[in-house]
Structure formats: C-alpha cells, structure tokens
Protein backbone atom coordinates (compact mmCIF):
# COMPACT_ATOMS: atom_id res chain seq x y z
CA UNK A 1 201.24 177.11 103.70
CA UNK A 2 202.42 179.54 106.37
CA UNK A 3 200.17 181.17 108.93
CA UNK A 4 200.65 184.50 107.15
CA UNK A 5 199.62 183.15 103.74
CA UNK A 6 196.71 181.24 105.29
CA UNK A 7 195.36 184.38 106.94
CA UNK A 8 195.78 186.39 103.72
CA UNK A 9 193.92 183.66 101.82
CA UNK A 10 191.12 183.53 104.43
CA UNK A 11 190.72 187.32 104.41
CA UNK A 12 190.62 187.35 100.61
CA UNK A 13 187.90 184.68 100.62
CA UNK A 14 185.96 186.57 103.30
CA UNK A 15 186.13 189.80 101.30
CA UNK A 16 185.10 188.01 98.11
CA UNK A 17 182.21 186.01 99.51
CA UNK A 18 181.00 187.53 102.78
CA UNK A 19 182.02 191.17 103.18
CA UNK A 20 178.89 193.30 103.71
CA UNK A 21 176.61 190.23 103.63
CA UNK A 22 177.67 188.36 106.77
CA UNK A 23 175.91 189.52 109.95
CA UNK A 24 179.27 189.78 111.75
CA UNK A 25 181.10 191.44 108.87
CA UNK A 26 182.48 194.38 110.93
CA UNK A 27 183.76 192.03 113.64
CA UNK A 28 185.35 189.69 111.10
CA UNK A 29 186.95 192.61 109.26
CA UNK A 30 188.58 193.69 112.52
CA UNK A 31 189.57 190.09 113.30
CA UNK A 32 191.53 189.78 110.05
CA UNK A 33 193.10 193.22 110.51
CA UNK A 34 194.24 192.28 114.01
CA UNK A 35 195.73 188.97 112.90
CA UNK A 36 197.61 190.48 109.99
CA UNK A 37 198.91 193.30 112.16
CA UNK A 38 200.11 190.73 114.72
CA UNK A 39 201.88 188.91 111.89
CA UNK A 40 203.56 192.14 110.74
CA UNK A 41 201.48 192.62 107.58
CA UNK A 42 200.15 196.11 106.82
CA UNK A 43 197.43 196.88 104.24
CA UNK A 44 199.91 197.33 101.38
CA UNK A 45 201.56 194.06 102.33
CA UNK A 46 198.18 192.33 102.45
CA UNK A 47 197.30 193.55 98.94
CA UNK A 48 200.67 192.42 97.57
CA UNK A 49 200.39 188.97 99.17
CA UNK A 50 196.76 188.64 98.06
CA UNK A 51 197.73 189.43 94.48
CA UNK A 52 200.59 186.93 94.60
CA UNK A 53 198.22 184.20 95.83
CA UNK A 54 195.79 185.03 93.02
CA UNK A 55 198.53 184.41 90.45
CA UNK A 56 198.97 180.79 91.60
C-alpha cells in the first residue's frame, strides 16, 4: 500500500467512525487535509481514491 492510499484509507476510516465525535475532530480533519495536499491529492482526487478503495 502506498503512502497516498494509506492516508486516503485512514481519512475514510476517520470520517466514518470519528468525525464529529472525536474531541480533536477539527484538528484531525486539518491533519488529513494537510497530508493529502502534501501528497498532491485534492478533494476530488480524495473522493475518487476513496471510492476506488471501497470497491476492493
């Protein structure tokens, strides 16, 4: 698994299980956005990769 796919997978799991319920949700949301941006993945790219991972 590449770093990009690992970060997409981790963000997907965070959004599914912890978004809005984790006490540090805003910080973690920004953390994932920063990592994906550093890896060259925009929001549309994230959604496409997330959907591809879900099909596996």
